[in-house]
All heavy atoms as atom14 arrays in JSON, in Angstrom:
{
  "sequence": "IGWFRQAPGRAREGVSCLSLSTGSTFSADSVKGRFTISGDNANNT",
  "atom14_mask": [
    [1, 1, 1, 1, 1, 1, 1, 1, 0, 0, 0, 0, 0, 0],
    [1, 1, 1, 1, 0, 0, 0, 0, 0, 0, 0, 0, 0, 0],
    [1, 1, 1, 1, 1, 1, 1, 1, 1, 1, 1, 1, 1, 1],
    [1, 1, 1, 1, 1, 1, 1, 1, 1, 1, 1, 0, 0, 0],
    [1, 1, 1, 1, 1, 1, 1, 1, 1, 1, 1, 0, 0, 0],
    [1, 1, 1, 1, 1, 1, 1, 1, 1, 0, 0, 0, 0, 0],
    [1, 1, 1, 1, 1, 0, 0, 0, 0, 0, 0, 0, 0, 0],
    [1, 1, 1, 1, 1, 1, 1, 0, 0, 0, 0, 0, 0, 0],
    [1, 1, 1, 1, 0, 0, 0, 0, 0, 0, 0, 0, 0, 0],
    [1, 1, 1, 1, 1, 1, 1, 1, 1, 1, 1, 0, 0, 0],
    [1, 1, 1, 1, 1, 0, 0, 0, 0, 0, 0, 0, 0, 0],
    [1, 1, 1, 1, 1, 1, 1, 1, 1, 1, 1, 0, 0, 0],
    [1, 1, 1, 1, 1, 1, 1, 1, 1, 0, 0, 0, 0, 0],
    [1, 1, 1, 1, 0, 0, 0, 0, 0, 0, 0, 0, 0, 0],
    [1, 1, 1, 1, 1, 1, 1, 0, 0, 0, 0, 0, 0, 0],
    [1, 1, 1, 1, 1, 1, 0, 0, 0, 0, 0, 0, 0, 0],
    [1, 1, 1, 1, 1, 1, 0, 0, 0, 0, 0, 0, 0, 0],
    [1, 1, 1, 1, 1, 1, 1, 1, 0, 0, 0, 0, 0, 0],
    [1, 1, 1, 1, 1, 1, 0, 0, 0, 0, 0, 0, 0, 0],
    [1, 1, 1, 1, 1, 1, 1, 1, 0, 0, 0, 0, 0, 0],
    [1, 1, 1, 1, 1, 1, 0, 0, 0, 0, 0, 0, 0, 0],
    [1, 1, 1, 1, 1, 1, 1, 0, 0, 0, 0, 0, 0, 0],
    [1, 1, 1, 1, 0, 0, 0, 0, 0, 0, 0, 0, 0, 0],
    [1, 1, 1, 1, 1, 1, 0, 0, 0, 0, 0, 0, 0, 0],
    [1, 1, 1, 1, 1, 1, 1, 0, 0, 0, 0, 0, 0, 0],
    [1, 1, 1, 1, 1, 1, 1, 1, 1, 1, 1, 0, 0, 0],
    [1, 1, 1, 1, 1, 1, 0, 0, 0, 0, 0, 0, 0, 0],
    [1, 1, 1, 1, 1, 0, 0, 0, 0, 0, 0, 0, 0, 0],
    [1, 1, 1, 1, 1, 1, 1, 1, 0, 0, 0, 0, 0, 0],
    [1, 1, 1, 1, 1, 1, 0, 0, 0, 0, 0, 0, 0, 0],
    [1, 1, 1, 1, 1, 1, 1, 0, 0, 0, 0, 0, 0, 0],
    [1, 1, 1, 1, 1, 1, 1, 1, 1, 0, 0, 0, 0, 0],
    [1, 1, 1, 1, 0, 0, 0, 0, 0, 0, 0, 0, 0, 0],
    [1, 1, 1, 1, 1, 1, 1, 1, 1, 1, 1, 0, 0, 0],
    [1, 1, 1, 1, 1, 1, 1, 1, 1, 1, 1, 0, 0, 0],
    [1, 1, 1, 1, 1, 1, 1, 0, 0, 0, 0, 0, 0, 0],
    [1, 1, 1, 1, 1, 1, 1, 1, 0, 0, 0, 0, 0, 0],
    [1, 1, 1, 1, 1, 1, 0, 0, 0, 0, 0, 0, 0, 0],
    [1, 1, 1, 1, 0, 0, 0, 0, 0, 0, 0, 0, 0, 0],
    [1, 1, 1, 1, 1, 1, 1, 1, 0, 0, 0, 0, 0, 0],
    [1, 1, 1, 1, 1, 1, 1, 1, 0, 0, 0, 0, 0, 0],
    [1, 1, 1, 1, 1, 0, 0, 0, 0, 0, 0, 0, 0, 0],
    [1, 1, 1, 1, 1, 1, 1, 1, 0, 0, 0, 0, 0, 0],
    [1, 1, 1, 1, 1, 1, 1, 1, 0, 0, 0, 0, 0, 0],
    [1, 1, 1, 1, 1, 1, 1, 0, 0, 0, 0, 0, 0, 0]
  ],
  "atom14_positions": [
    [[-69.14, 21.34, 37.4], [-69.45, 21.08, 38.81], [-68.48, 21.89, 39.69], [-67.26, 21.75, 39.55], [-69.49, 19.65, 39.22], [-70.5, 18.81, 38.38], [-69.69, 19.4, 40.63], [-71.92, 19.14, 38.53], [0.0, 0.0, 0.0], [0.0, 0.0, 0.0], [0.0, 0.0, 0.0], [0.0, 0.0, 0.0], [0.0, 0.0, 0.0], [0.0, 0.0, 0.0]],
    [[-68.99, 22.61, 40.64], [-68.16, 23.3, 41.57], [-68.25, 22.91, 43.02], [-69.36, 22.49, 43.49], [0.0, 0.0, 0.0], [0.0, 0.0, 0.0], [0.0, 0.0, 0.0], [0.0, 0.0, 0.0], [0.0, 0.0, 0.0], [0.0, 0.0, 0.0], [0.0, 0.0, 0.0], [0.0, 0.0, 0.0], [0.0, 0.0, 0.0], [0.0, 0.0, 0.0]],
    [[-67.2, 22.87, 43.71], [-67.16, 22.64, 45.23], [-66.99, 23.98, 45.9], [-66.03, 24.81, 45.49], [-66.01, 21.72, 45.61], [-66.35, 20.29, 45.43], [-66.01, 19.44, 44.38], [-67.13, 19.46, 46.26], [-66.4, 18.2, 44.57], [-67.19, 18.11, 45.74], [-67.81, 19.64, 47.49], [-67.83, 17.06, 46.33], [-68.47, 18.61, 48.04], [-68.52, 17.3, 47.52]],
    [[-67.8, 24.25, 46.88], [-67.71, 25.45, 47.64], [-67.71, 25.06, 49.04], [-68.16, 23.93, 49.5], [-68.95, 26.44, 47.44], [-68.91, 26.94, 45.98], [-69.24, 26.24, 44.9], [-68.57, 28.35, 45.78], [-69.29, 26.77, 43.59], [-68.55, 28.82, 44.52], [-68.94, 28.07, 43.45], [0.0, 0.0, 0.0], [0.0, 0.0, 0.0], [0.0, 0.0, 0.0]],
    [[-67.36, 25.96, 50.07], [-67.39, 25.72, 51.47], [-67.87, 26.92, 52.2], [-67.59, 28.06, 51.71], [-65.96, 25.22, 51.98], [-64.9, 26.19, 51.81], [-63.56, 25.56, 52.16], [-62.42, 26.41, 52.1], [-61.2, 26.08, 52.31], [-60.88, 24.82, 52.51], [-60.21, 26.97, 52.21], [0.0, 0.0, 0.0], [0.0, 0.0, 0.0], [0.0, 0.0, 0.0]],
    [[-68.38, 26.78, 53.4], [-68.78, 27.83, 54.24], [-68.48, 27.49, 55.65], [-69.06, 26.54, 56.22], [-70.27, 28.11, 53.99], [-70.77, 29.36, 54.75], [-72.13, 29.8, 54.33], [-72.94, 29.04, 53.7], [-72.39, 31.11, 54.48], [0.0, 0.0, 0.0], [0.0, 0.0, 0.0], [0.0, 0.0, 0.0], [0.0, 0.0, 0.0], [0.0, 0.0, 0.0]],
    [[-67.64, 28.3, 56.31], [-67.33, 28.15, 57.72], [-68.27, 29.05, 58.57], [-68.85, 29.98, 58.05], [-65.91, 28.51, 57.95], [0.0, 0.0, 0.0], [0.0, 0.0, 0.0], [0.0, 0.0, 0.0], [0.0, 0.0, 0.0], [0.0, 0.0, 0.0], [0.0, 0.0, 0.0], [0.0, 0.0, 0.0], [0.0, 0.0, 0.0], [0.0, 0.0, 0.0]],
    [[-68.48, 28.68, 59.82], [-69.36, 29.52, 60.72], [-68.87, 30.97, 60.61], [-67.78, 31.26, 60.88], [-69.11, 28.9, 62.04], [-68.78, 27.44, 61.8], [-67.89, 27.57, 60.54], [0.0, 0.0, 0.0], [0.0, 0.0, 0.0], [0.0, 0.0, 0.0], [0.0, 0.0, 0.0], [0.0, 0.0, 0.0], [0.0, 0.0, 0.0], [0.0, 0.0, 0.0]],
    [[-69.93, 31.83, 60.37], [-69.72, 33.23, 60.37], [-68.94, 33.77, 59.15], [-68.55, 34.92, 59.08], [0.0, 0.0, 0.0], [0.0, 0.0, 0.0], [0.0, 0.0, 0.0], [0.0, 0.0, 0.0], [0.0, 0.0, 0.0], [0.0, 0.0, 0.0], [0.0, 0.0, 0.0], [0.0, 0.0, 0.0], [0.0, 0.0, 0.0], [0.0, 0.0, 0.0]],
    [[-68.73, 32.86, 58.15], [-68.01, 33.26, 56.92], [-68.93, 33.14, 55.71], [-69.94, 32.41, 55.7], [-66.77, 32.38, 56.73], [-65.81, 32.32, 57.89], [-64.84, 33.46, 57.8], [-64.06, 33.39, 56.63], [-62.94, 32.72, 56.48], [-62.46, 31.93, 57.5], [-62.21, 32.7, 55.3], [0.0, 0.0, 0.0], [0.0, 0.0, 0.0], [0.0, 0.0, 0.0]],
    [[-68.56, 33.82, 54.72], [-69.28, 33.76, 53.41], [-68.9, 32.51, 52.69], [-67.9, 31.88, 52.9], [-69.0, 35.0, 52.54], [0.0, 0.0, 0.0], [0.0, 0.0, 0.0], [0.0, 0.0, 0.0], [0.0, 0.0, 0.0], [0.0, 0.0, 0.0], [0.0, 0.0, 0.0], [0.0, 0.0, 0.0], [0.0, 0.0, 0.0], [0.0, 0.0, 0.0]],
    [[-69.79, 32.01, 51.84], [-69.54, 30.83, 51.09], [-68.37, 31.12, 50.1], [-68.35, 32.12, 49.42], [-70.73, 30.37, 50.22], [-70.56, 29.04, 49.54], [-71.86, 28.52, 48.94], [-72.9, 28.22, 49.98], [-74.05, 27.58, 49.77], [-74.29, 27.16, 48.54], [-74.82, 27.41, 50.76], [0.0, 0.0, 0.0], [0.0, 0.0, 0.0], [0.0, 0.0, 0.0]],
    [[-67.38, 30.21, 50.04], [-66.18, 30.39, 49.31], [-66.04, 29.28, 48.21], [-66.17, 28.14, 48.52], [-64.98, 30.3, 50.31], [-63.64, 30.34, 49.67], [-62.49, 30.0, 50.68], [-62.85, 29.33, 51.63], [-61.4, 30.35, 50.46], [0.0, 0.0, 0.0], [0.0, 0.0, 0.0], [0.0, 0.0, 0.0], [0.0, 0.0, 0.0], [0.0, 0.0, 0.0]],
    [[-65.61, 29.74, 47.02], [-65.32, 28.79, 45.93], [-63.98, 28.03, 46.26], [-63.02, 28.59, 46.53], [0.0, 0.0, 0.0], [0.0, 0.0, 0.0], [0.0, 0.0, 0.0], [0.0, 0.0, 0.0], [0.0, 0.0, 0.0], [0.0, 0.0, 0.0], [0.0, 0.0, 0.0], [0.0, 0.0, 0.0], [0.0, 0.0, 0.0], [0.0, 0.0, 0.0]],
    [[-64.03, 26.68, 46.02], [-62.9, 25.9, 46.3], [-62.29, 25.33, 45.03], [-61.08, 25.53, 44.72], [-63.28, 24.73, 47.21], [-62.04, 23.77, 47.35], [-63.75, 25.21, 48.55], [0.0, 0.0, 0.0], [0.0, 0.0, 0.0], [0.0, 0.0, 0.0], [0.0, 0.0, 0.0], [0.0, 0.0, 0.0], [0.0, 0.0, 0.0], [0.0, 0.0, 0.0]],
    [[-63.15, 24.68, 44.16], [-62.6, 24.06, 42.98], [-63.78, 23.85, 42.02], [-64.89, 23.64, 42.48], [-61.86, 22.79, 43.27], [-61.31, 22.2, 42.19], [0.0, 0.0, 0.0], [0.0, 0.0, 0.0], [0.0, 0.0, 0.0], [0.0, 0.0, 0.0], [0.0, 0.0, 0.0], [0.0, 0.0, 0.0], [0.0, 0.0, 0.0], [0.0, 0.0, 0.0]],
    [[-63.45, 23.75, 40.78], [-64.52, 23.37, 39.79], [-63.93, 22.49, 38.68], [-62.69, 22.45, 38.52], [-65.21, 24.58, 39.15], [-64.16, 25.66, 38.15], [0.0, 0.0, 0.0], [0.0, 0.0, 0.0], [0.0, 0.0, 0.0], [0.0, 0.0, 0.0], [0.0, 0.0, 0.0], [0.0, 0.0, 0.0], [0.0, 0.0, 0.0], [0.0, 0.0, 0.0]],
    [[-64.76, 21.76, 38.02], [-64.44, 20.75, 37.0], [-65.34, 20.84, 35.88], [-66.61, 20.84, 36.12], [-64.33, 19.39, 37.62], [-64.08, 18.14, 36.63], [-63.25, 17.15, 37.3], [-65.51, 17.65, 36.21], [0.0, 0.0, 0.0], [0.0, 0.0, 0.0], [0.0, 0.0, 0.0], [0.0, 0.0, 0.0], [0.0, 0.0, 0.0], [0.0, 0.0, 0.0]],
    [[-64.82, 20.81, 34.69], [-65.64, 20.59, 33.41], [-65.13, 19.29, 32.79], [-64.09, 19.35, 32.1], [-65.57, 21.78, 32.47], [-66.21, 21.47, 31.37], [0.0, 0.0, 0.0], [0.0, 0.0, 0.0], [0.0, 0.0, 0.0], [0.0, 0.0, 0.0], [0.0, 0.0, 0.0], [0.0, 0.0, 0.0], [0.0, 0.0, 0.0], [0.0, 0.0, 0.0]],
    [[-65.86, 18.21, 32.99], [-65.41, 16.98, 32.41], [-65.46, 16.95, 30.93], [-64.64, 16.41, 30.2], [-66.22, 15.85, 32.98], [-65.68, 14.43, 32.84], [-64.26, 14.31, 33.45], [-66.64, 13.32, 33.31], [0.0, 0.0, 0.0], [0.0, 0.0, 0.0], [0.0, 0.0, 0.0], [0.0, 0.0, 0.0], [0.0, 0.0, 0.0], [0.0, 0.0, 0.0]],
    [[-66.57, 17.63, 30.39], [-66.68, 17.6, 28.92], [-65.66, 18.41, 28.15], [-65.31, 18.04, 27.03], [-68.1, 18.16, 28.51], [-68.24, 19.55, 28.96], [0.0, 0.0, 0.0], [0.0, 0.0, 0.0], [0.0, 0.0, 0.0], [0.0, 0.0, 0.0], [0.0, 0.0, 0.0], [0.0, 0.0, 0.0], [0.0, 0.0, 0.0], [0.0, 0.0, 0.0]],
    [[-65.04, 19.36, 28.78], [-63.96, 20.13, 28.19], [-62.63, 19.82, 28.72], [-61.59, 20.33, 28.31], [-64.19, 21.75, 28.31], [-64.13, 22.06, 29.7], [-65.56, 22.1, 27.71], [0.0, 0.0, 0.0], [0.0, 0.0, 0.0], [0.0, 0.0, 0.0], [0.0, 0.0, 0.0], [0.0, 0.0, 0.0], [0.0, 0.0, 0.0], [0.0, 0.0, 0.0]],
    [[-62.56, 19.09, 29.79], [-61.27, 18.68, 30.37], [-60.59, 19.72, 31.2], [-59.34, 19.78, 31.3], [0.0, 0.0, 0.0], [0.0, 0.0, 0.0], [0.0, 0.0, 0.0], [0.0, 0.0, 0.0], [0.0, 0.0, 0.0], [0.0, 0.0, 0.0], [0.0, 0.0, 0.0], [0.0, 0.0, 0.0], [0.0, 0.0, 0.0], [0.0, 0.0, 0.0]],
    [[-61.38, 20.65, 31.7], [-60.8, 21.8, 32.49], [-61.13, 21.75, 33.89], [-62.16, 21.26, 34.39], [-61.5, 23.16, 31.93], [-61.14, 23.29, 30.48], [0.0, 0.0, 0.0], [0.0, 0.0, 0.0], [0.0, 0.0, 0.0], [0.0, 0.0, 0.0], [0.0, 0.0, 0.0], [0.0, 0.0, 0.0], [0.0, 0.0, 0.0], [0.0, 0.0, 0.0]],
    [[-60.09, 22.16, 34.75], [-60.28, 22.22, 36.16], [-59.68, 23.65, 36.61], [-58.83, 24.18, 36.03], [-59.68, 21.17, 36.96], [-58.21, 21.15, 36.71], [-60.17, 19.77, 36.49], [0.0, 0.0, 0.0], [0.0, 0.0, 0.0], [0.0, 0.0, 0.0], [0.0, 0.0, 0.0], [0.0, 0.0, 0.0], [0.0, 0.0, 0.0], [0.0, 0.0, 0.0]],
    [[-60.13, 24.03, 37.81], [-59.55, 25.25, 38.46], [-59.69, 25.05, 40.01], [-60.75, 24.64, 40.51], [-60.23, 26.54, 38.01], [-59.69, 27.76, 38.68], [-58.51, 28.33, 38.22], [-60.32, 28.29, 39.8], [-58.01, 29.47, 38.92], [-59.81, 29.36, 40.47], [-58.61, 30.02, 40.0], [0.0, 0.0, 0.0], [0.0, 0.0, 0.0], [0.0, 0.0, 0.0]],
    [[-58.69, 25.47, 40.67], [-58.78, 25.46, 42.14], [-58.26, 26.77, 42.76], [-57.38, 27.39, 42.19], [-57.82, 24.34, 42.69], [-58.32, 23.04, 42.32], [0.0, 0.0, 0.0], [0.0, 0.0, 0.0], [0.0, 0.0, 0.0], [0.0, 0.0, 0.0], [0.0, 0.0, 0.0], [0.0, 0.0, 0.0], [0.0, 0.0, 0.0], [0.0, 0.0, 0.0]],
    [[-58.82, 27.18, 43.82], [-58.5, 28.38, 44.52], [-57.05, 28.24, 45.11], [-56.61, 27.13, 45.37], [-59.45, 28.65, 45.69], [0.0, 0.0, 0.0], [0.0, 0.0, 0.0], [0.0, 0.0, 0.0], [0.0, 0.0, 0.0], [0.0, 0.0, 0.0], [0.0, 0.0, 0.0], [0.0, 0.0, 0.0], [0.0, 0.0, 0.0], [0.0, 0.0, 0.0]],
    [[-56.44, 29.34, 45.26], [-55.04, 29.46, 45.78], [-54.89, 28.74, 47.12], [-53.9, 28.13, 47.43], [-54.53, 30.82, 45.81], [-54.26, 31.48, 44.49], [-54.16, 30.68, 43.49], [-54.12, 32.75, 44.31], [0.0, 0.0, 0.0], [0.0, 0.0, 0.0], [0.0, 0.0, 0.0], [0.0, 0.0, 0.0], [0.0, 0.0, 0.0], [0.0, 0.0, 0.0]],
    [[-55.94, 28.85, 47.92], [-55.83, 28.36, 49.33], [-55.78, 26.8, 49.37], [-55.42, 26.25, 50.41], [-57.06, 28.9, 50.04], [-58.38, 28.41, 49.46], [0.0, 0.0, 0.0], [0.0, 0.0, 0.0], [0.0, 0.0, 0.0], [0.0, 0.0, 0.0], [0.0, 0.0, 0.0], [0.0, 0.0, 0.0], [0.0, 0.0, 0.0], [0.0, 0.0, 0.0]],
    [[-56.15, 26.06, 48.21], [-56.15, 24.74, 48.26], [-55.24, 24.09, 47.17], [-55.11, 22.82, 47.2], [-57.56, 24.13, 48.15], [-58.47, 24.65, 49.24], [-58.12, 24.4, 46.81], [0.0, 0.0, 0.0], [0.0, 0.0, 0.0], [0.0, 0.0, 0.0], [0.0, 0.0, 0.0], [0.0, 0.0, 0.0], [0.0, 0.0, 0.0], [0.0, 0.0, 0.0]],
    [[-54.63, 24.86, 46.34], [-53.84, 24.42, 45.29], [-52.58, 23.59, 45.81], [-52.02, 23.96, 46.87], [-53.31, 25.49, 44.4], [-54.2, 26.04, 43.39], [-53.68, 27.16, 42.53], [-54.65, 27.62, 41.52], [-54.05, 28.74, 40.74], [0.0, 0.0, 0.0], [0.0, 0.0, 0.0], [0.0, 0.0, 0.0], [0.0, 0.0, 0.0], [0.0, 0.0, 0.0]],
    [[-52.36, 22.41, 45.33], [-51.38, 21.52, 45.74], [-51.8, 20.63, 46.85], [-51.05, 19.67, 47.26], [0.0, 0.0, 0.0], [0.0, 0.0, 0.0], [0.0, 0.0, 0.0], [0.0, 0.0, 0.0], [0.0, 0.0, 0.0], [0.0, 0.0, 0.0], [0.0, 0.0, 0.0], [0.0, 0.0, 0.0], [0.0, 0.0, 0.0], [0.0, 0.0, 0.0]],
    [[-52.96, 20.81, 47.41], [-53.49, 19.91, 48.47], [-54.76, 19.25, 48.1], [-54.99, 18.13, 48.49], [-53.76, 20.79, 49.8], [-52.46, 21.43, 50.35], [-52.72, 22.07, 51.78], [-53.82, 23.12, 51.67], [-54.93, 23.07, 52.33], [-55.25, 21.99, 53.07], [-55.84, 24.05, 52.19], [0.0, 0.0, 0.0], [0.0, 0.0, 0.0], [0.0, 0.0, 0.0]],
    [[-55.61, 19.94, 47.37], [-56.93, 19.37, 46.96], [-56.84, 19.0, 45.44], [-56.3, 19.73, 44.66], [-58.08, 20.29, 47.13], [-58.42, 20.58, 48.6], [-57.55, 20.24, 49.68], [-59.54, 21.31, 48.96], [-57.91, 20.47, 51.0], [-59.87, 21.6, 50.23], [-59.01, 21.2, 51.28], [0.0, 0.0, 0.0], [0.0, 0.0, 0.0], [0.0, 0.0, 0.0]],
    [[-57.5, 17.91, 45.01], [-57.57, 17.55, 43.6], [-59.05, 17.15, 43.42], [-59.61, 16.33, 44.04], [-56.69, 16.33, 43.35], [-55.35, 16.66, 43.64], [-56.78, 15.95, 41.89], [0.0, 0.0, 0.0], [0.0, 0.0, 0.0], [0.0, 0.0, 0.0], [0.0, 0.0, 0.0], [0.0, 0.0, 0.0], [0.0, 0.0, 0.0], [0.0, 0.0, 0.0]],
    [[-59.57, 17.68, 42.25], [-60.91, 17.45, 41.82], [-60.9, 16.52, 40.68], [-59.96, 16.57, 39.75], [-61.72, 18.75, 41.54], [-63.2, 18.48, 41.3], [-61.08, 19.43, 40.25], [-64.02, 19.63, 41.27], [0.0, 0.0, 0.0], [0.0, 0.0, 0.0], [0.0, 0.0, 0.0], [0.0, 0.0, 0.0], [0.0, 0.0, 0.0], [0.0, 0.0, 0.0]],
    [[-61.89, 15.53, 40.63], [-61.87, 14.55, 39.46], [-63.34, 14.21, 39.3], [-64.16, 14.28, 40.17], [-61.09, 13.34, 39.83], [-61.58, 12.64, 40.96], [0.0, 0.0, 0.0], [0.0, 0.0, 0.0], [0.0, 0.0, 0.0], [0.0, 0.0, 0.0], [0.0, 0.0, 0.0], [0.0, 0.0, 0.0], [0.0, 0.0, 0.0], [0.0, 0.0, 0.0]],
    [[-63.58, 13.75, 38.09], [-64.99, 13.29, 37.64], [-64.97, 11.88, 37.15], [-64.06, 11.39, 36.6], [0.0, 0.0, 0.0], [0.0, 0.0, 0.0], [0.0, 0.0, 0.0], [0.0, 0.0, 0.0], [0.0, 0.0, 0.0], [0.0, 0.0, 0.0], [0.0, 0.0, 0.0], [0.0, 0.0, 0.0], [0.0, 0.0, 0.0], [0.0, 0.0, 0.0]],
    [[-66.04, 11.21, 37.42], [-66.27, 9.84, 37.04], [-67.63, 9.75, 36.34], [-68.69, 9.66, 37.0], [-66.23, 8.91, 38.2], [-66.33, 7.42, 37.83], [-66.61, 7.17, 36.66], [-66.06, 6.55, 38.74], [0.0, 0.0, 0.0], [0.0, 0.0, 0.0], [0.0, 0.0, 0.0], [0.0, 0.0, 0.0], [0.0, 0.0, 0.0], [0.0, 0.0, 0.0]],
    [[-67.63, 9.85, 35.09], [-68.9, 9.95, 34.3], [-69.67, 8.68, 34.36], [-70.88, 8.65, 34.39], [-68.67, 10.32, 32.79], [-69.83, 10.9, 32.14], [-70.72, 11.5, 32.8], [-69.92, 10.79, 30.84], [0.0, 0.0, 0.0], [0.0, 0.0, 0.0], [0.0, 0.0, 0.0], [0.0, 0.0, 0.0], [0.0, 0.0, 0.0], [0.0, 0.0, 0.0]],
    [[-68.94, 7.51, 34.47], [-69.66, 6.23, 34.57], [-70.44, 6.12, 35.82], [-71.49, 5.41, 35.78], [-68.6, 5.13, 34.48], [0.0, 0.0, 0.0], [0.0, 0.0, 0.0], [0.0, 0.0, 0.0], [0.0, 0.0, 0.0], [0.0, 0.0, 0.0], [0.0, 0.0, 0.0], [0.0, 0.0, 0.0], [0.0, 0.0, 0.0], [0.0, 0.0, 0.0]],
    [[-70.05, 6.69, 36.87], [-70.7, 6.66, 38.25], [-71.42, 7.91, 38.57], [-71.94, 8.01, 39.65], [-69.75, 6.27, 39.32], [-69.28, 4.8, 39.12], [-70.02, 3.89, 39.26], [-67.89, 4.67, 38.85], [0.0, 0.0, 0.0], [0.0, 0.0, 0.0], [0.0, 0.0, 0.0], [0.0, 0.0, 0.0], [0.0, 0.0, 0.0], [0.0, 0.0, 0.0]],
    [[-71.41, 8.93, 37.65], [-72.11, 10.22, 37.86], [-71.64, 10.81, 39.15], [-72.5, 11.28, 39.91], [-73.56, 10.03, 37.84], [-74.11, 9.44, 36.46], [-73.87, 10.02, 35.47], [-74.82, 8.39, 36.57], [0.0, 0.0, 0.0], [0.0, 0.0, 0.0], [0.0, 0.0, 0.0], [0.0, 0.0, 0.0], [0.0, 0.0, 0.0], [0.0, 0.0, 0.0]],
    [[-70.32, 10.92, 39.33], [-69.78, 11.54, 40.56], [-68.69, 12.52, 40.24], [-67.91, 12.32, 39.29], [-69.31, 10.44, 41.54], [-68.32, 9.68, 41.0], [-70.47, 9.55, 42.08], [0.0, 0.0, 0.0], [0.0, 0.0, 0.0], [0.0, 0.0, 0.0], [0.0, 0.0, 0.0], [0.0, 0.0, 0.0], [0.0, 0.0, 0.0], [0.0, 0.0, 0.0]]
  ]
}
């Protein structure tokens, strides 16, 4: 699952992604240390 964002007049930008099945995450440099991605399989979120 990936999170992206788009500001007015800007292209869509990748923010962070998560693979719960493999235990992998990645975040863009612009948000590292500030944003954290997590998954909850029991609640499908």
